[in-house]
Amino acid sequence: MAAFAVAVDARCPLCGASILSIGRGGRVMAEDLHPVPLYTGRGGQGYMVCEDCGVLTELPRSITLN
């Protein structure tokens, strides 16, 4: 089993799951991300969450979570 050195390890801000890992050679080692746009001004901003949390962020506005 080979050990890989990770240069970037981004985590979901909601659940902490790893969503993007890039090795030192620039190779993507893991990718499980979902972009969530935030329109808070000119140009818009956003953040990335994992696929599981991304499903929750796009629920219809008429649904409320208990």
C-alpha atoms as a PDB file:
ATOM      1  CA  MET A   1       0.000   0.000   0.000  1.00  0.00           C
ATOM      2  CA  ALA A   2       1.499   3.334  -1.056  1.00  0.00           C
ATOM      3  CA  ALA A   3       1.298   6.435   1.104  1.00  0.00           C
ATOM      4  CA  PHE A   4       0.420   9.673  -0.663  1.00  0.00           C
ATOM      5  CA  ALA A   5       1.389  13.163   0.460  1.00  0.00           C
ATOM      6  CA  VAL A   6      -1.605  15.470   0.221  1.00  0.00           C
ATOM      7  CA  ALA A   7      -1.077  19.106  -0.778  1.00  0.00           C
ATOM      8  CA  VAL A   8      -4.743  20.170  -0.437  1.00  0.00           C
ATOM      9  CA  ASP A   9      -7.434  18.582   1.695  1.00  0.00           C
ATOM     10  CA  ALA A  10     -10.688  20.577   1.617  1.00  0.00           C
ATOM     11  CA  ARG A  11     -13.506  19.551   3.938  1.00  0.00           C
ATOM     12  CA  CYS A  12     -17.264  20.133   3.872  1.00  0.00           C
ATOM     13  CA  PRO A  13     -18.104  23.033   6.237  1.00  0.00           C
ATOM     14  CA  LEU A  14     -21.347  21.324   7.290  1.00  0.00           C
ATOM     15  CA  CYS A  15     -20.301  17.743   8.108  1.00  0.00           C
ATOM     16  CA  GLY A  16     -16.487  17.744   7.874  1.00  0.00           C
ATOM     17  CA  ALA A  17     -16.229  15.087   5.148  1.00  0.00           C
ATOM     18  CA  SER A  18     -13.255  15.386   2.774  1.00  0.00           C
ATOM     19  CA  ILE A  19     -14.525  16.826  -0.514  1.00  0.00           C
ATOM     20  CA  LEU A  20     -11.306  17.490  -2.428  1.00  0.00           C
ATOM     21  CA  SER A  21      -7.834  16.007  -2.006  1.00  0.00           C
ATOM     22  CA  ILE A  22      -4.999  16.978  -4.329  1.00  0.00           C
ATOM     23  CA  GLY A  23      -1.597  15.320  -4.174  1.00  0.00           C
ATOM     24  CA  ARG A  24       1.671  17.241  -4.297  1.00  0.00           C
ATOM     25  CA  GLY A  25       2.063  16.314  -7.971  1.00  0.00           C
ATOM     26  CA  GLY A  26      -1.220  18.076  -8.779  1.00  0.00           C
ATOM     27  CA  ARG A  27      -3.209  14.865  -9.200  1.00  0.00           C
ATOM     28  CA  VAL A  28      -6.778  14.873  -7.845  1.00  0.00           C
ATOM     29  CA  MET A  29      -6.998  11.965  -5.425  1.00  0.00           C
ATOM     30  CA  ALA A  30     -10.590  12.383  -4.187  1.00  0.00           C
ATOM     31  CA  GLU A  31     -13.419  14.546  -5.466  1.00  0.00           C
ATOM     32  CA  ASP A  32     -16.886  14.543  -3.912  1.00  0.00           C
ATOM     33  CA  LEU A  33     -17.974  18.147  -4.035  1.00  0.00           C
ATOM     34  CA  HIS A  34     -21.102  20.127  -4.718  1.00  0.00           C
ATOM     35  CA  PRO A  35     -21.045  23.905  -5.320  1.00  0.00           C
ATOM     36  CA  VAL A  36     -23.591  26.011  -3.439  1.00  0.00           C
ATOM     37  CA  PRO A  37     -23.983  29.538  -4.838  1.00  0.00           C
ATOM     38  CA  LEU A  38     -24.545  32.464  -2.470  1.00  0.00           C
ATOM     39  CA  TYR A  39     -25.808  35.634  -4.110  1.00  0.00           C
ATOM     40  CA  THR A  40     -24.868  38.261  -1.556  1.00  0.00           C
ATOM     41  CA  GLY A  41     -23.805  41.010  -3.884  1.00  0.00           C
ATOM     42  CA  ARG A  42     -22.192  41.718  -7.189  1.00  0.00           C
ATOM     43  CA  GLY A  43     -20.705  38.662  -8.880  1.00  0.00           C
ATOM     44  CA  GLY A  44     -22.032  36.203  -6.336  1.00  0.00           C
ATOM     45  CA  GLN A  45     -20.012  33.998  -4.057  1.00  0.00           C
ATOM     46  CA  GLY A  46     -20.261  30.405  -3.028  1.00  0.00           C
ATOM     47  CA  TYR A  47     -18.785  27.498  -1.160  1.00  0.00           C
ATOM     48  CA  MET A  48     -18.382  23.768  -1.668  1.00  0.00           C
ATOM     49  CA  VAL A  49     -20.064  21.049   0.367  1.00  0.00           C
ATOM     50  CA  CYS A  50     -20.050  17.268  -0.024  1.00  0.00           C
ATOM     51  CA  GLU A  51     -22.624  15.599  -2.269  1.00  0.00           C
ATOM     52  CA  ASP A  52     -24.738  14.464   0.711  1.00  0.00           C
ATOM     53  CA  CYS A  53     -24.986  17.942   2.223  1.00  0.00           C
ATOM     54  CA  GLY A  54     -25.467  19.421  -1.259  1.00  0.00           C
ATOM     55  CA  VAL A  55     -28.754  17.537  -1.558  1.00  0.00           C
ATOM     56  CA  LEU A  56     -29.946  19.176   1.680  1.00  0.00           C
ATOM     57  CA  THR A  57     -28.961  22.686   0.569  1.00  0.00           C
ATOM     58  CA  GLU A  58     -31.201  22.559  -2.497  1.00  0.00           C
ATOM     59  CA  LEU A  59     -34.468  21.601  -0.804  1.00  0.00           C
ATOM     60  CA  PRO A  60     -37.499  23.591  -1.967  1.00  0.00           C
ATOM     61  CA  ARG A  61     -38.184  26.690   0.133  1.00  0.00           C
ATOM     62  CA  SER A  62     -41.660  25.400   1.032  1.00  0.00           C
ATOM     63  CA  ILE A  63     -40.143  22.517   3.046  1.00  0.00           C
ATOM     64  CA  THR A  64     -39.128  23.122   6.653  1.00  0.00           C
ATOM     65  CA  LEU A  65     -36.812  20.791   8.543  1.00  0.00           C
ATOM     66  CA  ASN A  66     -37.875  19.782  12.057  1.00  0.00           C
END
